[in-house]
């Protein structure tokens, strides 16, 4: 399907009022592009962890809206022009002409692929399916990951912090619970490190498809890595399926506000002396997560940092 795309440039400060004006004249959706850097909290809310490099912020934003190419645009464009002219009397919108182009529906789900390239986390090579392993890397630990719409490529600092913690604690006897498993990357790496089995839980049904595909790509036997969709915090049936005092390690790479209510639930799933690995914690939330871990009855054994992010490893008292 083809669309007429109309774009105007304005000051960052005028984006909200122009957006509201467009809605008033019948524009149902807009696209805003600017060069403002993403905050850590904004990055944490992205569905994936591939964050493209941004150019320097110049204070300018582009606002685009789309109209069906088969429709008559004249009336709505006239209304837009009239409303924007009136806005200039009240606010500096720095607007020139509205430019027109034509576009077609895009595969937005797969656009992130242009930013996801193979890379190392220490001595582990993480590579997407559309790239080839270089001859010099064939003897390395290779993890094939395609996240799809589920979180987890390994590029994000929080995922890397968890990977390094798993390298320290996984043994051949490890039974792992991976809460918020996403693409399954942490469970797959744990199994490659020698873990006995892994169970992943997630709220997003897309995670099941992503995990199944990544298990196959990494030759992980189905019986070694089970995936469950459910809310382990609030759903007692999910908690019962997961089991109690069953796991040597629980890893949770989730936002701090979720880790806080999750932690007492995790305590019940861990064996005595079991290890709890957390990340997804922005620096200013570190104290809150530490308090929740201590309150639950665990002892903090290590805190590591990368960029603005924190990982806390704790142990259940035996």
Protein backbone atom coordinates (compact mmCIF):
# COMPACT_ATOMS: atom_id res chain seq x y z
CA UNK A 1 0.00 0.00 0.00
CA UNK A 2 1.33 3.45 -0.94
CA UNK A 3 1.11 6.53 1.25
CA UNK A 4 1.69 10.22 0.72
CA UNK A 5 4.13 11.39 3.38
CA UNK A 6 4.06 15.04 4.48
CA UNK A 7 6.95 16.38 6.58
CA UNK A 8 7.62 19.68 8.30
CA UNK A 9 10.60 20.75 10.38
CA UNK A 10 10.22 22.63 13.65
CA UNK A 11 11.85 23.38 17.00
CA UNK A 12 11.86 20.60 19.59
CA UNK A 13 9.88 22.91 21.91
CA UNK A 14 7.01 23.18 19.39
CA UNK A 15 6.55 19.44 18.77
CA UNK A 16 3.77 18.93 21.33
CA UNK A 17 1.60 21.84 20.23
CA UNK A 18 1.99 20.99 16.53
CA UNK A 19 1.17 17.34 17.24
CA UNK A 20 -1.99 18.37 19.07
CA UNK A 21 -2.96 20.70 16.22
CA UNK A 22 -2.56 17.94 13.64
CA UNK A 23 -4.79 15.66 15.72
CA UNK A 24 -7.46 18.37 15.87
CA UNK A 25 -7.68 18.61 12.08
CA UNK A 26 -8.04 14.85 11.64
CA UNK A 27 -4.51 13.51 11.26
CA UNK A 28 -4.69 10.13 13.01
CA UNK A 29 -1.01 9.39 13.48
CA UNK A 30 2.32 11.17 13.29
CA UNK A 31 6.00 10.29 13.25
CA UNK A 32 8.50 12.45 15.13
CA UNK A 33 12.22 12.32 14.36
CA UNK A 34 14.83 14.23 16.33
CA UNK A 35 18.41 13.87 17.51
CA UNK A 36 17.80 14.02 21.25
CA UNK A 37 19.78 11.26 23.01
CA UNK A 38 17.84 8.47 24.70
CA UNK A 39 17.99 8.41 28.48
CA UNK A 40 18.81 5.16 30.28
CA UNK A 41 15.17 4.78 31.34
CA UNK A 42 13.98 5.27 27.73
CA UNK A 43 16.44 2.66 26.49
CA UNK A 44 15.15 0.26 29.14
CA UNK A 45 11.63 0.51 27.74
CA UNK A 46 12.62 -0.39 24.17
CA UNK A 47 11.40 -3.80 22.98
CA UNK A 48 14.94 -4.71 21.96
CA UNK A 49 18.43 -3.81 23.02
CA UNK A 50 19.96 -2.59 19.77
CA UNK A 51 20.40 1.15 20.34
CA UNK A 52 21.66 2.96 17.21
CA UNK A 53 24.29 5.69 17.50
CA UNK A 54 22.68 9.13 17.39
CA UNK A 55 24.06 12.27 15.72
CA UNK A 56 24.56 15.44 17.75
CA UNK A 57 21.31 17.09 18.88
CA UNK A 58 20.60 20.26 16.87
CA UNK A 59 17.27 21.19 18.50
CA UNK A 60 15.32 20.47 15.32
CA UNK A 61 12.55 17.88 14.89
CA UNK A 62 10.80 16.54 11.80
CA UNK A 63 7.09 15.81 12.13
CA UNK A 64 5.61 13.56 9.45
CA UNK A 65 2.09 12.34 8.82
CA UNK A 66 0.77 9.88 6.26
CA UNK A 67 -2.33 10.00 4.06
CA UNK A 68 -3.59 7.25 1.78
CA UNK A 69 -2.26 7.92 -1.72
CA UNK A 70 -5.67 7.01 -3.19
CA UNK A 71 -7.50 9.65 -1.14
CA UNK A 72 -7.96 13.36 -1.85
CA UNK A 73 -5.49 15.14 0.46
CA UNK A 74 -6.39 18.69 -0.54
CA UNK A 75 -8.96 19.44 2.18
CA UNK A 76 -6.96 18.13 5.13
CA UNK A 77 -3.75 19.83 3.89
CA UNK A 78 -5.64 23.13 3.65
CA UNK A 79 -6.78 22.74 7.27
CA UNK A 80 -3.25 21.87 8.41
CA UNK A 81 -1.81 24.94 6.69
CA UNK A 82 -4.44 27.25 8.18
CA UNK A 83 -3.89 25.94 11.73
CA UNK A 84 -0.10 26.17 11.48
CA UNK A 85 -0.33 29.76 10.21
CA UNK A 86 -2.39 30.67 13.28
CA UNK A 87 0.13 28.93 15.56
CA UNK A 88 2.91 31.21 14.32
CA UNK A 89 1.22 34.12 16.10
CA UNK A 90 1.66 32.39 19.49
CA UNK A 91 4.74 30.19 19.29
CA UNK A 92 7.99 30.07 17.31
CA UNK A 93 7.58 26.92 15.25
CA UNK A 94 10.45 27.66 12.81
CA UNK A 95 8.48 25.98 10.04
CA UNK A 96 9.20 26.24 6.35
CA UNK A 97 7.20 24.49 3.67
CA UNK A 98 5.62 21.08 4.11
CA UNK A 99 7.47 18.63 1.86
CA UNK A 100 5.75 15.70 0.17
CA UNK A 101 7.10 12.26 -0.67
CA UNK A 102 5.64 8.83 -1.27
CA UNK A 103 6.35 5.68 0.67
CA UNK A 104 5.16 2.11 1.00
CA UNK A 105 4.43 -0.07 4.03
CA UNK A 106 7.69 -1.18 5.65
CA UNK A 107 8.72 -4.23 7.58
CA UNK A 108 9.22 -2.28 10.80
CA UNK A 109 9.76 -5.45 12.85
CA UNK A 110 12.94 -6.27 10.94
CA UNK A 111 14.40 -2.76 10.58
CA UNK A 112 16.55 -3.25 13.71
CA UNK A 113 18.64 -5.81 11.82
CA UNK A 114 20.76 -3.11 10.19
CA UNK A 115 22.11 -2.24 13.67
CA UNK A 116 22.69 -5.80 14.95
CA UNK A 117 26.15 -7.08 13.99
CA UNK A 118 28.27 -9.89 15.43
CA UNK A 119 30.29 -8.94 18.50
CA UNK A 120 32.10 -10.37 21.51
CA UNK A 121 31.17 -10.40 25.16
CA UNK A 122 34.65 -11.20 26.45
CA UNK A 123 35.45 -14.57 24.80
CA UNK A 124 31.89 -15.35 23.65
CA UNK A 125 30.93 -14.49 20.07
CA UNK A 126 27.28 -13.52 19.60
CA UNK A 127 26.14 -13.53 15.99
CA UNK A 128 22.83 -13.13 14.14
CA UNK A 129 21.72 -15.74 11.60
CA UNK A 130 22.30 -13.49 8.59
CA UNK A 131 26.04 -13.13 9.30
CA UNK A 132 28.78 -15.71 8.78
CA UNK A 133 31.32 -16.85 11.34
CA UNK A 134 34.81 -15.74 10.37
CA UNK A 135 37.44 -18.51 10.04
CA UNK A 136 39.44 -17.18 13.00
CA UNK A 137 36.34 -17.46 15.25
CA UNK A 138 35.34 -21.05 14.51
CA UNK A 139 36.94 -22.40 17.72
CA UNK A 140 35.27 -19.80 19.96
CA UNK A 141 32.05 -20.22 21.93
CA UNK A 142 29.51 -19.07 19.36
CA UNK A 143 25.95 -18.06 20.27
CA UNK A 144 23.51 -17.65 17.40
CA UNK A 145 20.80 -15.17 18.39
CA UNK A 146 17.89 -13.67 16.50
CA UNK A 147 15.72 -11.83 19.03
CA UNK A 148 12.77 -11.19 16.69
CA UNK A 149 10.34 -9.12 18.79
CA UNK A 150 11.69 -10.43 22.11
CA UNK A 151 14.30 -8.59 24.17
CA UNK A 152 17.83 -9.91 24.16
CA UNK A 153 20.67 -9.72 21.64
CA UNK A 154 23.47 -9.39 24.18
CA UNK A 155 24.42 -5.90 23.01
CA UNK A 156 22.86 -4.12 25.96
CA UNK A 157 25.03 -3.51 29.03
CA UNK A 158 22.55 -5.26 31.35
CA UNK A 159 22.67 -8.48 29.32
CA UNK A 160 26.47 -8.41 29.26
CA UNK A 161 26.61 -7.96 33.04
CA UNK A 162 24.41 -11.05 33.47
CA UNK A 163 26.53 -13.06 31.04
CA UNK A 164 29.68 -12.30 33.04
CA UNK A 165 27.97 -13.29 36.30
CA UNK A 166 26.79 -16.56 34.77
CA UNK A 167 30.35 -17.34 33.67
CA UNK A 168 31.41 -17.08 37.32
CA UNK A 169 28.71 -19.29 38.82
CA UNK A 170 27.43 -21.88 36.29
CA UNK A 171 28.60 -25.47 36.84
CA UNK A 172 27.69 -28.83 35.32
CA UNK A 173 25.09 -29.27 38.11
CA UNK A 174 23.36 -25.91 37.63
CA UNK A 175 19.61 -25.79 37.30
CA UNK A 176 18.78 -22.30 36.05
CA UNK A 177 15.60 -20.21 36.23
CA UNK A 178 15.64 -17.33 33.73
CA UNK A 179 12.90 -14.80 34.58
CA UNK A 180 12.04 -12.51 31.68
CA UNK A 181 13.93 -14.78 29.32
CA UNK A 182 13.12 -12.83 26.12
CA UNK A 183 15.17 -14.30 23.27
CA UNK A 184 16.58 -16.96 25.60
CA UNK A 185 20.14 -15.68 25.29
CA UNK A 186 21.06 -16.03 28.98
CA UNK A 187 19.70 -19.57 29.28
CA UNK A 188 21.41 -20.62 26.05
CA UNK A 189 24.76 -19.23 27.23
CA UNK A 190 24.33 -20.95 30.61
CA UNK A 191 23.67 -24.27 28.86
CA UNK A 192 26.69 -23.74 26.60
CA UNK A 193 28.73 -23.10 29.76
CA UNK A 194 27.63 -26.53 31.02
CA UNK A 195 24.41 -25.96 32.99
CA UNK A 196 22.25 -29.05 33.46
CA UNK A 197 18.92 -27.46 32.54
CA UNK A 198 17.13 -24.12 32.19
CA UNK A 199 13.57 -22.91 32.56
CA UNK A 200 12.60 -19.55 31.09
CA UNK A 201 9.53 -17.49 31.99
CA UNK A 202 8.19 -14.43 30.21
CA UNK A 203 5.00 -12.39 29.90
CA UNK A 204 5.40 -11.84 26.15
CA UNK A 205 4.08 -14.68 23.93
CA UNK A 206 6.64 -13.63 21.28
CA UNK A 207 9.35 -14.96 23.59
CA UNK A 208 8.19 -18.55 23.02
CA UNK A 209 8.79 -18.32 19.27
CA UNK A 210 12.12 -16.54 19.74
CA UNK A 211 13.34 -19.13 22.25
CA UNK A 212 12.30 -22.08 20.07
CA UNK A 213 14.14 -20.62 17.07
CA UNK A 214 17.28 -19.80 19.07
CA UNK A 215 17.33 -23.23 20.71
CA UNK A 216 17.33 -24.82 17.27
CA UNK A 217 20.01 -22.42 15.98
CA UNK A 218 22.28 -23.36 18.90
CA UNK A 219 21.53 -27.11 18.92
CA UNK A 220 19.98 -26.97 22.38
CA UNK A 221 17.90 -30.10 23.14
CA UNK A 222 14.26 -29.29 23.92
CA UNK A 223 14.41 -31.13 27.22
CA UNK A 224 17.32 -28.96 28.39
CA UNK A 225 15.52 -25.63 28.02
CA UNK A 226 11.81 -25.31 28.74
CA UNK A 227 9.88 -22.09 28.11
CA UNK A 228 6.80 -20.92 30.04
CA UNK A 229 4.56 -17.90 29.42
CA UNK A 230 3.19 -16.54 32.71
CA UNK A 231 3.50 -13.98 35.49
CA UNK A 232 5.67 -15.50 38.19
CA UNK A 233 5.11 -12.51 40.50
CA UNK A 234 1.32 -12.64 40.80
CA UNK A 235 0.16 -15.96 39.34
CA UNK A 236 0.27 -18.79 41.87
CA UNK A 237 -0.26 -21.39 39.15
CA UNK A 238 2.85 -20.15 37.34
CA UNK A 239 4.77 -20.21 40.62
CA UNK A 240 3.70 -23.82 41.24
CA UNK A 241 4.76 -24.87 37.73
CA UNK A 242 8.14 -23.21 38.18
CA UNK A 243 8.60 -24.99 41.52
CA UNK A 244 10.09 -24.20 44.93
CA UNK A 245 13.67 -24.58 46.23
CA UNK A 246 14.55 -26.12 42.88
CA UNK A 247 17.13 -23.84 41.26
CA UNK A 248 20.84 -23.27 41.84
CA UNK A 249 20.76 -19.95 39.96
CA UNK A 250 17.99 -17.50 39.16
CA UNK A 251 18.84 -14.78 36.65
CA UNK A 252 16.54 -11.80 36.05
CA UNK A 253 17.49 -9.08 33.59
CA UNK A 254 14.43 -6.88 34.14
CA UNK A 255 13.71 -3.29 35.16
CA UNK A 256 14.35 -2.42 38.80
CA UNK A 257 10.67 -1.67 39.49
CA UNK A 258 9.88 -5.28 38.57
CA UNK A 259 12.87 -6.78 40.39
CA UNK A 260 11.66 -5.34 43.70
CA UNK A 261 8.37 -7.34 43.90
CA UNK A 262 10.00 -10.29 42.09
CA UNK A 263 12.79 -10.80 44.63
CA UNK A 264 10.77 -12.42 47.47
CA UNK A 265 9.22 -14.78 44.90
CA UNK A 266 12.69 -15.71 43.61
CA UNK A 267 13.78 -16.55 47.17
CA UNK A 268 11.21 -19.35 47.26
CA UNK A 269 12.46 -20.88 44.01
CA UNK A 270 16.13 -21.00 45.04
CA UNK A 271 17.82 -23.89 46.79
CA UNK A 272 19.65 -23.03 50.03
CA UNK A 273 22.88 -21.21 49.07
CA UNK A 274 21.40 -20.57 45.61
CA UNK A 275 22.62 -17.61 43.53
CA UNK A 276 20.41 -14.69 42.43
CA UNK A 277 21.76 -12.64 39.49
CA UNK A 278 19.98 -9.40 38.66
CA UNK A 279 20.40 -6.58 36.19
CA UNK A 280 18.33 -3.98 34.35
CA UNK A 281 19.03 -1.65 37.25
CA UNK A 282 19.69 2.03 36.50
CA UNK A 283 22.18 3.57 38.95
CA UNK A 284 19.61 5.63 40.83
CA UNK A 285 17.55 2.47 41.52
CA UNK A 286 20.48 0.47 42.93
CA UNK A 287 19.69 1.22 46.58
CA UNK A 288 16.04 0.17 46.15
CA UNK A 289 16.95 -3.20 44.65
CA UNK A 290 19.64 -3.82 47.27
CA UNK A 291 17.10 -3.11 50.01
CA UNK A 292 14.60 -5.55 48.46
CA UNK A 293 17.24 -8.29 48.23
CA UNK A 294 18.32 -7.85 51.85
CA UNK A 295 14.72 -7.67 53.06
CA UNK A 296 13.95 -10.95 51.28
CA UNK A 297 16.67 -12.66 53.28
CA UNK A 298 19.58 -12.85 50.85
CA UNK A 299 23.19 -11.75 51.21
CA UNK A 300 24.68 -9.54 48.50
CA UNK A 301 27.95 -11.01 47.25
CA UNK A 302 28.89 -8.78 44.32
CA UNK A 303 27.89 -5.56 42.57
CA UNK A 304 29.20 -4.83 39.07
CA UNK A 305 28.61 -1.88 36.77
CA UNK A 306 28.76 -1.03 33.08
CA UNK A 307 27.83 2.44 31.88
CA UNK A 308 24.74 3.60 33.76
CA UNK A 309 23.70 0.05 34.60
CA UNK A 310 24.16 -2.12 37.68
CA UNK A 311 24.12 -5.87 38.29
CA UNK A 312 23.68 -7.30 41.77
CA UNK A 313 24.52 -10.91 42.63
CA UNK A 314 23.20 -12.32 45.91
CA UNK A 315 23.07 -15.66 47.71
CA UNK A 316 20.19 -17.26 49.58
CA UNK A 317 21.19 -18.04 53.12
CA UNK A 318 21.49 -21.78 53.67
